[in-house]
Amino acid sequence: MNPLLRALRRYVRHLPAGPGVPRLAGHLNEHLKNHPVTTVTRTRSGALFPVTTSDVIQRYLYLFGVWEPHLTSFVSRRLRPGDTFVDIGANIGYYTVLAAQLVGPTGRVVAVEPSPDFHQALTENARLNGCANVRTINTAVSDAPGRLTFYLEDPTNLGGTTAVRPRTVASSFTADTAPLSRLLTTDEVTAARLIKIDVEGGEAGAVRGLLPVLDQLRDDAELLVEVTPRLLAKQGQTVDEVFTPLRDHGFHPYRVTNDYDAASYPPALRRPASAARWREPVTEMTDLVFSRVDADALPS
């Protein structure tokens, strides 16, 4: 990257309240997408990640030092030293490494990722950041053991890999599947403070696979689930298949704001949103926290 672009990136990263920053962030995002940079970047938590900016997650880590700022803020407020975090759909390990830093050497992180390439990157990134408290699993989470093919449509969004076959397939791979109840040890289940499920249409199966051990979770355990109605519908499933079993076990839904527009990141870094009770139908991709707390908003 030339010196001017490097200076503009520093401005966006370190002065999110600066004049014109959201618009500038949008321009830099497009430039880094169309003229990819391969480098090692440091996140706002101090973690190191090798990145190539053609991919949106890696690009935002390079540009902003954070991915999904509202969700990052929520995870950071929730986890404490000694906690256990379960990362389903871990990608290259952004949340895995962040959680490993937050829970410390007395805590644990279990990271599950079906893609062999992402699993390798996840493992290497955990090692790069000295995360000895991380256990990685190269498997897809579902409601039963088996095999499943995953597809990537857009090479600029590697995190969009899904078991729902798109019209155009850029690449694919096949992975073993297993229920979360079989992948986690008893100690990991009973100590889990936060379980993140980001599986691009596989969330209903992931929740079903957790049901046998759901009552073993600690009282303050919460699930952070990306719910994707469109991808669920393409498999003949509904949002209710996520909501109903969790509601039946005493969990209430709260929405966490999540906007992937680059211009939205600077304001989000200045003022992360709280998780507010969600009482409406879910008609588009939505990030929800399921908690046993019954309130209008989750306490920070």
Foldseek 3Di string as FASTA:
>chain_A
DDPVLVVLLCCLQPPLVDPPNLVSLLVNLVVCLVVWDWDWAAAPVGAIATAISVALQRVCCRRHSDAFLLVLVVLLVQAAAQFEEEAALCFLNPVVQVNLVHNDPNYAYEYEHQDPVSQVNNVVSCVRRVSPRYHYHNAHEFQAWDKAKWFDADPRHPSQIASQDDPHGPDMDMGIYHAPVVVDDLVNQQRHQEYEHDHNQRQLRNQNSCLVCPVSYDQNHKYKYWDAQVSVVSVVHGPCSNVVSLVVVQWFKWFFDGDSNSSVVSVCVVPRDFTAGDDDDDDHTTIIMIGNDDDRTDDD
